[in-house]
Amino acid sequence: MSHENTSEDTLIRVIQRIVRSRGRVRLGIGDDAAVLKDGTVVTTDAYADGVHFDLSYMTLPQIGGRCACGAISDVVAMAAEPEAVFVSLALPHRAICLATSPRRRSNVSSVEQQVRQLYSGIDSVCAEMGCEVAGGDIIVTDRLLLALTVTGKTRTPKLRSGARPGDTLYVTGHLGSAEAGRMLLAEQVKGQEPKAAGQSPRRRLANGDWRIPLVSRHLRPVPRLRVMRELRPIIRGLIDTSDGLATDARHLCEMSGVKIILDGDTLQVLPGVKRFCTERGLDLADFVLKAGEDYELLFTSRRPVPVSVKGVKVAPIGSVQKGSGLWISRAGHILPVKFSGYDHLKASRTTC
């Protein structure tokens, strides 16, 4: 196996070949979370500064909240109720030294303040989702890292393998918002915003600014727990849009053994995402296919689905058919989707 061809999915398959089932787990590696025999759902996610969040424009409560949303969303994507969150926190060594130095500057917060701020963000999401922080670990390393393990419960988990030919593919909310928000914030920090945006770097966005919904979606995504509760009886295949529509829809294809054709004209985006892509000369459909971390529900169903649930839009964006692979219908042509969303191993090769 060459390093050039190694991807996250490749390594997951390697791990699956190494480990062996011993009868304790109902569903193991390969879905959004594992399912134990008693219906307990367990997932774990790691988040690193410079990869999953950026301290140059995010506060510590925002970082804690965003990481909690991402981890809890995996439990929701199994049609489970989140129960407990365990947080392993790696504090950066440099920040510890600054915060504990007798000569530290007055604007450097104490270690206790930093931890308090992180956990206030995590706990605010737990309060909204009806779960709680139940433990964890704290170490010191070279940069800020969080690893969150979330448990939940369900009698009938909904899996990536549940899609069937004849189903319709649906998505909640809108796509591409979080990635557009991330890029907008990064541009502000670097002072690289297009002139059409009419905003100086780091300046606060005024009420009504078209960028606010995009930035908000990046800083504080919302696991679609309330929507899932309502739709659970009619959902067949289910995943959340954490890695990008192309990657996550492809997971449904591969795990269910089906072909999915996306409708390029019905991909759900906010007006701000259209404006964002237009100002930067980006193809809207390509951007949406690659953009991740919206944490919307991507699911299939054969039964009628309401157009709105708990105030959240739900829209059909494709069909499930016999065959294999992910395809998209654009301008009267059905084309294979050849690219994927974010992959940590592929991204790391750009810095080697």
Protein backbone atom coordinates (compact mmCIF):
# COMPACT_ATOMS: atom_id res chain seq x y z
CA MET A 1 0.00 0.00 0.00
CA SER A 2 1.67 3.21 -1.14
CA HIS A 3 1.52 6.36 0.94
CA GLU A 4 0.24 8.28 -2.08
CA ASN A 5 -2.93 6.14 -2.25
CA THR A 6 -3.59 5.95 1.48
CA SER A 7 -6.83 7.55 2.65
CA GLU A 8 -8.89 7.47 5.82
CA ASP A 9 -11.18 4.84 4.29
CA THR A 10 -8.15 2.73 3.34
CA LEU A 11 -6.87 2.75 6.91
CA ILE A 12 -10.30 1.92 8.26
CA ARG A 13 -10.40 -1.16 6.02
CA VAL A 14 -6.91 -2.12 7.24
CA ILE A 15 -8.08 -1.88 10.86
CA GLN A 16 -11.23 -3.89 10.09
CA ARG A 17 -9.05 -6.72 8.74
CA ILE A 18 -6.87 -6.73 11.86
CA VAL A 19 -9.47 -6.63 14.64
CA ARG A 20 -11.78 -9.56 15.36
CA SER A 21 -15.34 -9.70 16.68
CA ARG A 22 -15.69 -11.44 20.04
CA GLY A 23 -19.45 -11.24 20.32
CA ARG A 24 -19.64 -8.16 22.54
CA VAL A 25 -20.59 -5.61 19.89
CA ARG A 26 -23.71 -5.56 17.75
CA LEU A 27 -22.28 -3.13 15.18
CA GLY A 28 -18.61 -2.22 15.10
CA ILE A 29 -16.34 -0.25 12.77
CA GLY A 30 -17.86 1.32 9.67
CA ASP A 31 -20.78 3.54 10.69
CA ASP A 32 -21.13 6.88 12.48
CA ALA A 33 -20.94 5.06 15.80
CA ALA A 34 -20.73 1.57 17.31
CA VAL A 35 -23.79 -0.16 18.75
CA LEU A 36 -23.54 -2.53 21.71
CA LYS A 37 -25.94 -5.41 22.23
CA ASP A 38 -28.02 -3.50 24.77
CA GLY A 39 -28.64 -0.62 22.36
CA THR A 40 -25.91 1.62 23.73
CA VAL A 41 -24.36 3.75 20.98
CA VAL A 42 -20.75 4.91 21.35
CA THR A 43 -18.69 7.27 19.22
CA THR A 44 -15.40 9.10 19.66
CA ASP A 45 -13.97 12.09 17.80
CA ALA A 46 -10.69 13.99 18.06
CA TYR A 47 -10.33 17.71 17.36
CA ALA A 48 -7.06 19.62 16.93
CA ASP A 49 -6.13 23.29 16.74
CA GLY A 50 -5.34 24.22 13.15
CA VAL A 51 -7.33 21.28 11.76
CA HIS A 52 -10.83 21.38 13.24
CA PHE A 53 -10.80 24.83 14.80
CA ASP A 54 -8.71 27.99 14.67
CA LEU A 55 -7.75 29.96 17.77
CA SER A 56 -7.09 33.05 15.65
CA TYR A 57 -10.82 33.71 15.28
CA MET A 58 -12.60 31.34 17.69
CA THR A 59 -13.12 31.77 21.41
CA LEU A 60 -12.64 28.86 23.79
CA PRO A 61 -16.40 28.54 24.50
CA GLN A 62 -16.99 28.43 20.72
CA ILE A 63 -14.35 25.71 20.34
CA GLY A 64 -15.86 23.62 23.13
CA GLY A 65 -19.36 24.01 21.74
CA ARG A 66 -18.37 23.24 18.18
CA CYS A 67 -16.50 20.08 19.15
CA ALA A 68 -19.43 18.91 21.27
CA CYS A 69 -21.82 19.46 18.37
CA GLY A 70 -19.66 17.41 16.02
CA ALA A 71 -19.34 14.47 18.40
CA ILE A 72 -22.99 14.42 19.49
CA SER A 73 -24.10 14.60 15.85
CA ASP A 74 -22.60 11.13 15.27
CA VAL A 75 -24.93 9.68 17.91
CA VAL A 76 -27.89 11.53 16.40
CA ALA A 77 -26.89 10.11 13.00
CA MET A 78 -27.54 6.64 14.43
CA ALA A 79 -31.08 7.72 15.43
CA ALA A 80 -30.03 7.55 19.08
CA GLU A 81 -30.62 9.80 22.09
CA PRO A 82 -27.32 11.22 23.43
CA GLU A 83 -26.71 10.53 27.11
CA ALA A 84 -23.13 11.09 28.28
CA VAL A 85 -20.07 12.97 27.02
CA PHE A 86 -16.49 12.17 28.07
CA VAL A 87 -13.82 14.77 27.32
CA SER A 88 -10.10 14.09 26.99
CA LEU A 89 -8.42 17.49 26.96
CA ALA A 90 -4.81 18.16 25.91
CA LEU A 91 -3.78 21.66 26.93
CA PRO A 92 -0.92 23.32 24.99
CA HIS A 93 2.33 23.43 26.94
CA ARG A 94 3.08 27.01 25.88
CA ALA A 95 -0.25 28.28 27.21
CA ILE A 96 0.37 26.53 30.54
CA CYS A 97 3.79 28.18 30.84
CA LEU A 98 2.40 31.64 30.03
CA ALA A 99 -0.56 31.27 32.34
CA THR A 100 1.53 30.08 35.31
CA SER A 101 4.50 32.42 34.84
CA PRO A 102 4.94 35.03 37.61
CA ARG A 103 5.64 37.58 34.87
CA ARG A 104 2.70 36.62 32.65
CA ARG A 105 0.84 39.43 30.94
CA SER A 106 -2.50 40.45 32.43
CA ASN A 107 -4.36 39.48 29.23
CA VAL A 108 -3.24 35.85 29.43
CA SER A 109 -6.00 33.92 31.19
CA SER A 110 -5.23 31.36 33.87
CA VAL A 111 -5.34 27.65 33.18
CA GLU A 112 -8.52 27.44 35.26
CA GLN A 113 -10.16 30.16 33.18
CA GLN A 114 -9.20 28.43 29.92
CA VAL A 115 -10.67 25.13 31.06
CA ARG A 116 -13.78 26.85 32.41
CA GLN A 117 -14.36 28.55 29.07
CA LEU A 118 -13.90 25.35 27.07
CA TYR A 119 -16.25 23.38 29.27
CA SER A 120 -18.86 26.14 29.34
CA GLY A 121 -19.11 25.73 25.57
CA ILE A 122 -19.33 21.95 25.81
CA ASP A 123 -21.92 22.04 28.58
CA SER A 124 -24.10 24.56 26.76
CA VAL A 125 -24.51 22.07 23.92
CA CYS A 126 -25.10 19.21 26.35
CA ALA A 127 -27.88 21.22 27.99
CA GLU A 128 -29.51 21.77 24.61
CA MET A 129 -29.19 18.10 23.66
CA GLY A 130 -30.32 16.71 27.02
CA CYS A 131 -27.05 14.93 27.85
CA GLU A 132 -24.19 15.65 30.26
CA VAL A 133 -20.43 15.59 30.70
CA ALA A 134 -19.62 12.48 32.74
CA GLY A 135 -15.81 12.37 32.87
CA GLY A 136 -12.61 12.47 30.87
CA ASP A 137 -8.90 13.16 31.17
CA ILE A 138 -6.49 16.11 31.06
CA ILE A 139 -2.91 16.08 29.75
CA VAL A 140 -0.42 18.62 28.40
CA THR A 141 0.98 18.46 24.85
CA ASP A 142 2.24 20.74 22.07
CA ARG A 143 -1.17 22.16 21.03
CA LEU A 144 -4.81 22.25 22.06
CA LEU A 145 -6.57 18.93 21.41
CA LEU A 146 -9.94 17.59 22.46
CA ALA A 147 -11.17 14.01 22.14
CA LEU A 148 -14.86 13.54 22.89
CA THR A 149 -16.56 10.21 23.46
CA VAL A 150 -20.36 10.30 23.40
CA THR A 151 -22.77 7.56 24.40
CA GLY A 152 -26.43 7.27 23.54
CA LYS A 153 -29.31 4.83 23.40
CA THR A 154 -31.58 3.45 20.70
CA ARG A 155 -33.62 0.30 20.18
CA THR A 156 -33.56 0.62 16.40
CA PRO A 157 -30.38 2.27 15.08
CA LYS A 158 -30.51 3.68 11.57
CA LEU A 159 -27.44 2.72 9.57
CA ARG A 160 -25.50 3.77 6.49
CA SER A 161 -26.43 0.36 5.09
CA GLY A 162 -30.19 1.03 5.21
CA ALA A 163 -30.70 2.69 1.81
CA ARG A 164 -32.60 0.64 -0.79
CA PRO A 165 -33.37 1.07 -4.52
CA GLY A 166 -36.55 3.09 -4.87
CA ASP A 167 -35.75 5.35 -1.89
CA THR A 168 -35.48 9.10 -2.22
CA LEU A 169 -32.43 10.88 -0.78
CA TYR A 170 -33.19 13.81 1.55
CA VAL A 171 -31.18 16.40 3.45
CA THR A 172 -32.14 18.63 6.35
CA GLY A 173 -31.31 22.33 6.39
CA HIS A 174 -28.73 23.66 3.96
CA LEU A 175 -25.36 22.54 2.62
CA GLY A 176 -22.03 24.36 2.33
CA SER A 177 -22.81 26.98 4.98
CA ALA A 178 -20.22 25.90 7.55
CA GLU A 179 -17.34 25.70 5.07
CA ALA A 180 -18.25 29.08 3.57
CA GLY A 181 -18.33 30.51 7.09
CA ARG A 182 -14.94 29.02 7.90
CA MET A 183 -13.39 30.47 4.75
CA LEU A 184 -14.92 33.88 5.42
CA LEU A 185 -13.43 33.97 8.92
CA ALA A 186 -10.04 32.80 7.64
CA GLU A 187 -10.11 35.52 4.97
CA GLN A 188 -10.86 38.16 7.60
CA VAL A 189 -7.91 37.08 9.71
CA LYS A 190 -5.58 37.10 6.71
CA GLY A 191 -7.07 40.28 5.23
CA GLN A 192 -7.89 38.51 1.96
CA GLU A 193 -11.59 39.24 1.62
CA PRO A 194 -12.80 40.14 -1.88
CA LYS A 195 -13.49 43.86 -2.23
CA ALA A 196 -17.11 43.07 -3.06
CA ALA A 197 -17.61 41.93 0.50
CA GLY A 198 -17.01 45.52 1.66
CA GLN A 199 -15.68 44.58 5.06
CA SER A 200 -12.32 45.25 6.69
CA PRO A 201 -10.49 42.32 8.33
CA ARG A 202 -11.66 41.35 11.84
CA ARG A 203 -14.44 43.93 11.81
CA ARG A 204 -17.64 42.77 13.51
CA LEU A 205 -20.43 41.88 11.12
CA ALA A 206 -23.42 44.21 11.27
CA ASN A 207 -26.93 42.91 11.85
CA GLY A 208 -28.41 41.66 8.59
CA ASP A 209 -25.03 40.98 6.98
CA TRP A 210 -25.38 38.10 4.50
CA ARG A 211 -22.37 36.36 6.05
CA ILE A 212 -23.78 35.99 9.55
CA PRO A 213 -25.74 32.73 8.90
CA LEU A 214 -22.63 31.18 7.32
CA VAL A 215 -20.25 32.21 10.09
CA SER A 216 -22.77 31.11 12.72
CA ARG A 217 -23.10 27.68 11.10
CA HIS A 218 -19.34 27.20 11.29
CA LEU A 219 -18.93 28.47 14.85
CA ARG A 220 -22.00 26.73 16.27
CA PRO A 221 -23.46 23.88 14.22
CA VAL A 222 -26.65 22.28 15.55
CA PRO A 223 -27.07 18.49 15.76
CA ARG A 224 -30.49 17.73 14.27
CA LEU A 225 -31.74 15.79 17.28
CA ARG A 226 -35.29 17.19 17.29
CA VAL A 227 -35.66 16.56 13.57
CA MET A 228 -34.34 13.02 13.89
CA ARG A 229 -36.88 12.23 16.60
CA GLU A 230 -39.73 13.20 14.30
CA LEU A 231 -38.37 11.46 11.19
CA ARG A 232 -36.98 8.32 12.83
CA PRO A 233 -39.94 6.06 11.91
CA ILE A 234 -39.60 6.77 8.17
CA ILE A 235 -35.79 6.88 7.84
CA ARG A 236 -34.02 3.94 6.17
CA GLY A 237 -30.39 4.85 5.46
CA LEU A 238 -28.86 7.63 7.60
CA ILE A 239 -25.61 9.58 7.99
CA ASP A 240 -24.72 13.16 8.90
CA THR A 241 -22.91 15.59 6.59
CA SER A 242 -19.64 15.88 8.50
CA ASP A 243 -17.14 15.09 5.72
CA GLY A 244 -18.96 16.68 2.78
CA LEU A 245 -21.94 15.64 0.68
CA ALA A 246 -19.83 13.69 -1.83
CA THR A 247 -18.05 11.66 0.85
CA ASP A 248 -21.11 11.04 3.00
CA ALA A 249 -23.44 10.16 0.12
CA ARG A 250 -20.76 7.79 -1.17
CA HIS A 251 -20.70 6.10 2.25
CA LEU A 252 -24.42 5.42 1.85
CA CYS A 253 -23.79 3.98 -1.63
CA GLU A 254 -20.99 1.69 -0.53
CA MET A 255 -22.51 0.47 2.74
CA SER A 256 -25.96 -0.09 1.19
CA GLY A 257 -24.72 -1.51 -2.12
CA VAL A 258 -26.72 0.97 -4.18
CA LYS A 259 -26.34 3.73 -6.74
CA ILE A 260 -27.25 7.29 -5.77
CA ILE A 261 -27.95 10.03 -8.30
CA LEU A 262 -27.85 13.53 -6.86
CA ASP A 263 -29.97 16.23 -8.49
CA GLY A 264 -27.56 19.11 -9.07
CA ASP A 265 -30.47 21.56 -9.40
CA THR A 266 -31.98 20.77 -5.99
CA LEU A 267 -28.94 20.95 -3.70
CA GLN A 268 -30.06 23.07 -0.77
CA VAL A 269 -27.97 26.20 -0.13
CA LEU A 270 -28.51 29.55 1.52
CA PRO A 271 -28.39 32.69 -0.67
CA GLY A 272 -25.17 33.62 1.12
CA VAL A 273 -23.44 30.47 -0.14
CA LYS A 274 -24.42 31.34 -3.71
CA ARG A 275 -23.04 34.85 -3.25
CA PHE A 276 -19.88 33.48 -1.62
CA CYS A 277 -19.20 31.16 -4.57
CA THR A 278 -20.02 33.84 -7.17
CA GLU A 279 -17.61 36.37 -5.63
CA ARG A 280 -14.79 33.81 -5.62
CA GLY A 281 -15.49 32.24 -8.98
CA LEU A 282 -16.33 28.85 -7.44
CA ASP A 283 -18.67 26.31 -9.03
CA LEU A 284 -21.58 26.09 -6.60
CA ALA A 285 -22.30 22.36 -6.99
CA ASP A 286 -18.62 21.41 -6.72
CA PHE A 287 -18.26 23.54 -3.60
CA VAL A 288 -21.31 21.98 -1.95
CA LEU A 289 -20.17 18.45 -2.79
CA LYS A 290 -16.81 19.01 -1.07
CA ALA A 291 -17.91 21.21 1.86
CA GLY A 292 -18.34 19.44 5.18
CA GLU A 293 -19.13 20.00 8.86
CA ASP A 294 -22.71 21.19 8.33
CA TYR A 295 -23.86 18.22 10.45
CA GLU A 296 -27.15 17.97 8.61
CA LEU A 297 -29.00 14.67 8.34
CA LEU A 298 -28.58 12.91 4.99
CA PHE A 299 -31.10 10.09 4.79
CA THR A 300 -33.22 7.95 2.52
CA SER A 301 -36.89 7.14 2.78
CA ARG A 302 -39.63 5.61 0.66
CA ARG A 303 -42.47 7.22 2.59
CA PRO A 304 -43.70 10.83 2.26
CA VAL A 305 -41.43 13.28 4.09
CA PRO A 306 -42.66 16.69 5.33
CA VAL A 307 -41.02 19.75 3.79
CA SER A 308 -40.28 21.15 7.25
CA VAL A 309 -39.75 19.56 10.66
CA LYS A 310 -39.44 21.63 13.85
CA GLY A 311 -38.78 24.68 11.70
CA VAL A 312 -35.98 22.95 9.75
CA LYS A 313 -36.29 22.54 5.99
CA VAL A 314 -36.21 18.97 4.62
CA ALA A 315 -35.73 18.54 0.88
CA PRO A 316 -35.27 15.71 -1.65
CA ILE A 317 -31.91 15.95 -3.41
CA GLY A 318 -31.53 12.62 -5.20
CA SER A 319 -32.68 9.08 -5.84
CA VAL A 320 -31.48 5.62 -4.84
CA GLN A 321 -31.27 3.05 -7.61
CA LYS A 322 -29.88 -0.39 -8.38
CA GLY A 323 -26.20 -0.29 -9.23
CA SER A 324 -23.22 1.31 -7.56
CA GLY A 325 -21.42 4.60 -7.18
CA LEU A 326 -22.31 8.23 -6.66
CA TRP A 327 -23.57 10.25 -9.62
CA ILE A 328 -24.95 13.73 -10.21
CA SER A 329 -27.45 15.03 -12.75
CA ARG A 330 -26.37 18.39 -14.20
CA ALA A 331 -27.62 20.18 -17.31
CA GLY A 332 -29.32 17.03 -18.58
CA HIS A 333 -26.25 14.82 -18.11
CA ILE A 334 -25.66 12.18 -15.45
CA LEU A 335 -22.00 12.27 -14.44
CA PRO A 336 -19.96 10.30 -11.89
CA VAL A 337 -18.87 12.22 -8.81
CA LYS A 338 -15.14 11.55 -8.74
CA PHE A 339 -13.99 13.75 -5.88
CA SER A 340 -14.63 13.57 -2.16
CA GLY A 341 -14.75 15.92 0.79
CA TYR A 342 -12.06 16.43 3.41
CA ASP A 343 -9.67 13.54 4.09
CA HIS A 344 -7.07 14.00 6.85
CA LEU A 345 -4.44 11.81 5.20
CA LYS A 346 -4.77 13.47 1.81
CA ALA A 347 -4.68 16.92 3.43
CA SER A 348 -1.54 16.03 5.39
CA ARG A 349 0.34 15.15 2.19
CA THR A 350 0.19 18.80 1.14
CA THR A 351 2.48 19.66 4.06
CA CYS A 352 4.93 16.77 3.66
